N, C-alpha and C. Protein backbone atom coordinates (compact mmCIF):
# COMPACT_ATOMS: atom_id res chain seq x y z
N UNK A 1 -1.78 32.11 -2.11
CA UNK A 1 -1.96 31.52 -0.79
C UNK A 1 -3.34 31.88 -0.28
N UNK A 2 -3.91 31.02 0.50
CA UNK A 2 -5.23 31.28 1.05
C UNK A 2 -5.10 31.90 2.43
N UNK A 3 -6.08 32.70 2.76
CA UNK A 3 -6.10 33.35 4.06
C UNK A 3 -6.80 32.44 5.05
N UNK A 4 -6.07 31.87 5.97
CA UNK A 4 -6.62 30.90 6.93
C UNK A 4 -7.49 31.56 8.00
N UNK A 5 -7.41 32.85 8.15
CA UNK A 5 -8.20 33.52 9.18
C UNK A 5 -9.69 33.54 8.82
N UNK A 6 -10.02 33.37 7.56
CA UNK A 6 -11.44 33.40 7.16
C UNK A 6 -12.06 32.01 7.09
N UNK A 7 -11.24 30.96 7.05
CA UNK A 7 -11.81 29.61 6.98
C UNK A 7 -11.94 29.05 8.39
N UNK A 8 -13.10 28.50 8.71
CA UNK A 8 -13.27 27.95 10.06
C UNK A 8 -12.45 26.67 10.22
N UNK A 9 -12.02 26.36 11.43
CA UNK A 9 -11.24 25.14 11.65
C UNK A 9 -12.12 23.90 11.44
N UNK A 10 -11.49 22.84 11.01
CA UNK A 10 -12.21 21.59 10.81
C UNK A 10 -12.47 20.92 12.15
N UNK A 11 -13.63 20.32 12.27
CA UNK A 11 -13.98 19.63 13.50
C UNK A 11 -14.26 18.17 13.18
N UNK A 12 -13.81 17.32 14.05
CA UNK A 12 -14.07 15.89 13.87
C UNK A 12 -15.52 15.62 14.28
N UNK A 13 -16.21 14.90 13.44
CA UNK A 13 -17.59 14.55 13.71
C UNK A 13 -17.68 13.04 13.80
N UNK A 14 -18.19 12.54 14.91
CA UNK A 14 -18.33 11.11 15.08
C UNK A 14 -19.62 10.65 14.40
N UNK A 15 -19.49 9.75 13.47
CA UNK A 15 -20.64 9.20 12.77
C UNK A 15 -21.09 7.96 13.52
N UNK A 16 -22.39 7.85 13.73
CA UNK A 16 -22.91 6.68 14.42
C UNK A 16 -22.72 5.46 13.54
N UNK A 17 -21.94 4.51 14.05
CA UNK A 17 -21.66 3.30 13.28
C UNK A 17 -22.76 2.28 13.46
N UNK A 18 -23.01 1.53 12.41
CA UNK A 18 -24.00 0.47 12.48
C UNK A 18 -23.35 -0.81 12.97
N UNK A 19 -24.11 -1.60 13.68
CA UNK A 19 -23.66 -2.90 14.16
C UNK A 19 -23.34 -3.78 12.95
N UNK A 20 -22.16 -4.42 12.91
CA UNK A 20 -21.82 -5.24 11.75
C UNK A 20 -22.64 -6.53 11.66
N UNK A 21 -23.34 -6.89 12.71
CA UNK A 21 -24.15 -8.12 12.69
C UNK A 21 -25.59 -7.83 12.25
N UNK A 22 -26.26 -6.89 12.93
CA UNK A 22 -27.69 -6.65 12.64
C UNK A 22 -27.97 -5.29 12.02
N UNK A 23 -26.95 -4.44 11.92
CA UNK A 23 -27.03 -3.11 11.31
C UNK A 23 -27.88 -2.10 12.08
N UNK A 24 -28.15 -2.35 13.36
CA UNK A 24 -28.75 -1.32 14.21
C UNK A 24 -27.64 -0.37 14.63
N UNK A 25 -28.01 0.76 15.23
CA UNK A 25 -27.03 1.73 15.70
C UNK A 25 -26.31 1.14 16.90
N UNK A 26 -24.98 1.19 16.88
CA UNK A 26 -24.17 0.64 17.96
C UNK A 26 -24.27 1.47 19.22
N UNK A 27 -23.96 0.85 20.36
CA UNK A 27 -23.96 1.55 21.64
C UNK A 27 -22.53 1.72 22.12
N UNK A 28 -22.31 2.68 22.99
CA UNK A 28 -20.97 2.94 23.51
C UNK A 28 -20.46 1.76 24.33
N UNK A 29 -21.35 1.09 25.03
CA UNK A 29 -20.94 -0.02 25.91
C UNK A 29 -20.39 -1.20 25.12
N UNK A 30 -20.98 -1.51 23.97
CA UNK A 30 -20.59 -2.68 23.19
C UNK A 30 -20.02 -2.31 21.83
N UNK A 31 -19.54 -1.07 21.68
CA UNK A 31 -19.07 -0.57 20.40
C UNK A 31 -18.13 -1.54 19.71
N UNK A 32 -18.26 -1.83 18.47
CA UNK A 32 -19.15 -1.26 17.47
C UNK A 32 -20.49 -1.98 17.40
N UNK A 33 -20.74 -2.91 18.29
CA UNK A 33 -21.97 -3.69 18.26
C UNK A 33 -23.08 -2.98 19.01
N UNK A 34 -24.32 -3.45 18.81
CA UNK A 34 -25.45 -2.82 19.47
C UNK A 34 -25.79 -3.51 20.79
N UNK A 35 -25.32 -4.74 20.97
CA UNK A 35 -25.66 -5.48 22.19
C UNK A 35 -24.60 -6.54 22.46
N UNK A 36 -24.67 -7.11 23.65
CA UNK A 36 -23.77 -8.20 24.02
C UNK A 36 -24.00 -9.41 23.12
N UNK A 37 -25.24 -9.64 22.73
CA UNK A 37 -25.57 -10.77 21.87
C UNK A 37 -24.84 -10.67 20.53
N UNK A 38 -24.88 -9.50 19.90
CA UNK A 38 -24.21 -9.32 18.61
C UNK A 38 -22.70 -9.45 18.78
N UNK A 39 -22.15 -8.97 19.88
CA UNK A 39 -20.72 -9.12 20.14
C UNK A 39 -20.36 -10.60 20.26
N UNK A 40 -21.21 -11.37 20.94
CA UNK A 40 -20.95 -12.80 21.09
C UNK A 40 -21.10 -13.56 19.77
N UNK A 41 -22.05 -13.15 18.94
CA UNK A 41 -22.20 -13.77 17.62
C UNK A 41 -20.93 -13.57 16.81
N UNK A 42 -20.38 -12.36 16.84
CA UNK A 42 -19.16 -12.07 16.11
C UNK A 42 -17.98 -12.87 16.67
N UNK A 43 -17.88 -12.95 17.99
CA UNK A 43 -16.81 -13.73 18.61
C UNK A 43 -16.91 -15.19 18.21
N UNK A 44 -18.12 -15.74 18.20
CA UNK A 44 -18.32 -17.12 17.78
C UNK A 44 -17.88 -17.35 16.35
N UNK A 45 -18.12 -16.39 15.48
CA UNK A 45 -17.69 -16.52 14.09
C UNK A 45 -16.17 -16.56 13.99
N UNK A 46 -15.49 -15.74 14.80
CA UNK A 46 -14.04 -15.77 14.81
C UNK A 46 -13.53 -17.10 15.35
N UNK A 47 -14.11 -17.57 16.43
CA UNK A 47 -13.64 -18.81 17.05
C UNK A 47 -13.88 -20.03 16.17
N UNK A 48 -14.95 -20.01 15.39
CA UNK A 48 -15.24 -21.12 14.47
C UNK A 48 -14.56 -20.94 13.13
N UNK A 49 -13.67 -19.94 13.06
CA UNK A 49 -12.93 -19.60 11.85
C UNK A 49 -13.84 -19.27 10.67
N UNK A 50 -14.94 -18.60 10.96
CA UNK A 50 -15.84 -18.13 9.92
C UNK A 50 -15.26 -16.96 9.15
N UNK A 51 -14.36 -16.22 9.81
CA UNK A 51 -13.67 -15.11 9.15
C UNK A 51 -12.24 -15.57 8.86
N UNK A 52 -11.75 -15.21 7.72
CA UNK A 52 -10.37 -15.54 7.38
C UNK A 52 -9.74 -14.34 6.69
N UNK A 53 -8.49 -14.13 6.97
CA UNK A 53 -7.72 -13.09 6.31
C UNK A 53 -6.97 -13.77 5.17
N UNK A 54 -7.29 -13.37 3.95
CA UNK A 54 -6.67 -14.00 2.79
C UNK A 54 -5.25 -13.50 2.59
N UNK A 55 -4.37 -14.44 2.25
CA UNK A 55 -2.99 -14.10 1.94
C UNK A 55 -2.57 -14.83 0.68
N UNK A 56 -1.41 -14.48 0.17
CA UNK A 56 -0.86 -15.15 -1.00
C UNK A 56 0.02 -16.33 -0.60
N UNK A 57 0.23 -16.53 0.70
CA UNK A 57 1.12 -17.58 1.18
C UNK A 57 0.42 -18.93 1.19
N UNK A 58 1.19 -19.97 0.93
CA UNK A 58 0.67 -21.33 1.00
C UNK A 58 0.67 -21.77 2.47
N UNK A 59 -0.27 -22.65 2.86
CA UNK A 59 -0.28 -23.12 4.25
C UNK A 59 1.00 -23.88 4.59
N UNK A 60 1.45 -23.74 5.80
CA UNK A 60 2.64 -24.46 6.25
C UNK A 60 2.22 -25.81 6.82
N UNK A 61 3.18 -26.64 7.16
CA UNK A 61 2.87 -27.95 7.72
C UNK A 61 2.11 -27.83 9.03
N UNK A 62 2.42 -26.80 9.82
CA UNK A 62 1.74 -26.60 11.10
C UNK A 62 0.26 -26.29 10.92
N UNK A 63 -0.11 -25.61 9.84
CA UNK A 63 -1.49 -25.21 9.61
C UNK A 63 -2.30 -26.28 8.90
N UNK A 64 -1.64 -27.22 8.26
CA UNK A 64 -2.32 -28.15 7.39
C UNK A 64 -3.12 -29.24 8.07
N UNK A 65 -2.51 -30.00 8.94
CA UNK A 65 -3.16 -31.23 9.38
C UNK A 65 -3.98 -31.14 10.63
N UNK A 66 -3.34 -31.01 11.73
CA UNK A 66 -4.05 -31.12 12.99
C UNK A 66 -3.70 -32.42 13.67
N UNK A 67 -2.92 -33.28 12.99
CA UNK A 67 -2.55 -34.56 13.57
C UNK A 67 -1.64 -34.36 14.78
N UNK A 68 -0.86 -33.30 14.78
CA UNK A 68 0.07 -33.06 15.87
C UNK A 68 -0.56 -32.31 17.02
N UNK A 69 -1.76 -31.83 16.85
CA UNK A 69 -2.39 -31.06 17.90
C UNK A 69 -2.84 -31.96 19.05
N UNK A 70 -2.45 -31.61 20.23
CA UNK A 70 -2.91 -32.32 21.42
C UNK A 70 -2.23 -33.66 21.63
N UNK A 71 -1.41 -34.11 20.74
CA UNK A 71 -0.74 -35.39 20.94
C UNK A 71 0.71 -35.15 21.25
N UNK A 72 1.18 -35.87 22.22
CA UNK A 72 2.59 -35.79 22.57
C UNK A 72 3.14 -37.20 22.61
N UNK A 73 4.34 -37.34 22.19
CA UNK A 73 4.97 -38.66 22.26
C UNK A 73 6.07 -38.60 23.30
N UNK A 74 6.00 -39.53 24.21
CA UNK A 74 7.00 -39.59 25.27
C UNK A 74 7.71 -40.93 25.18
N UNK A 75 8.97 -40.87 25.35
CA UNK A 75 9.72 -42.12 25.36
C UNK A 75 10.41 -42.26 26.70
N UNK A 76 10.44 -43.47 27.16
CA UNK A 76 11.21 -43.81 28.34
C UNK A 76 10.59 -43.55 29.58
């Protein structure tokens, strides 16, 4: 067994993360980004579906077309 009284306790060290867009050092205000601009660029990529999470599942009918989006049929 090891003697724990001689080993110093571990301390968490925060590593400065780089901005995923421009690779500058991120700021606390816009973490993990360095600026509002880089945060907006990333948001735009998500909204334009530039990022995708890959799965093994086949697309369903709801995901395939888009013909049903925004259209409603009313009778009577």
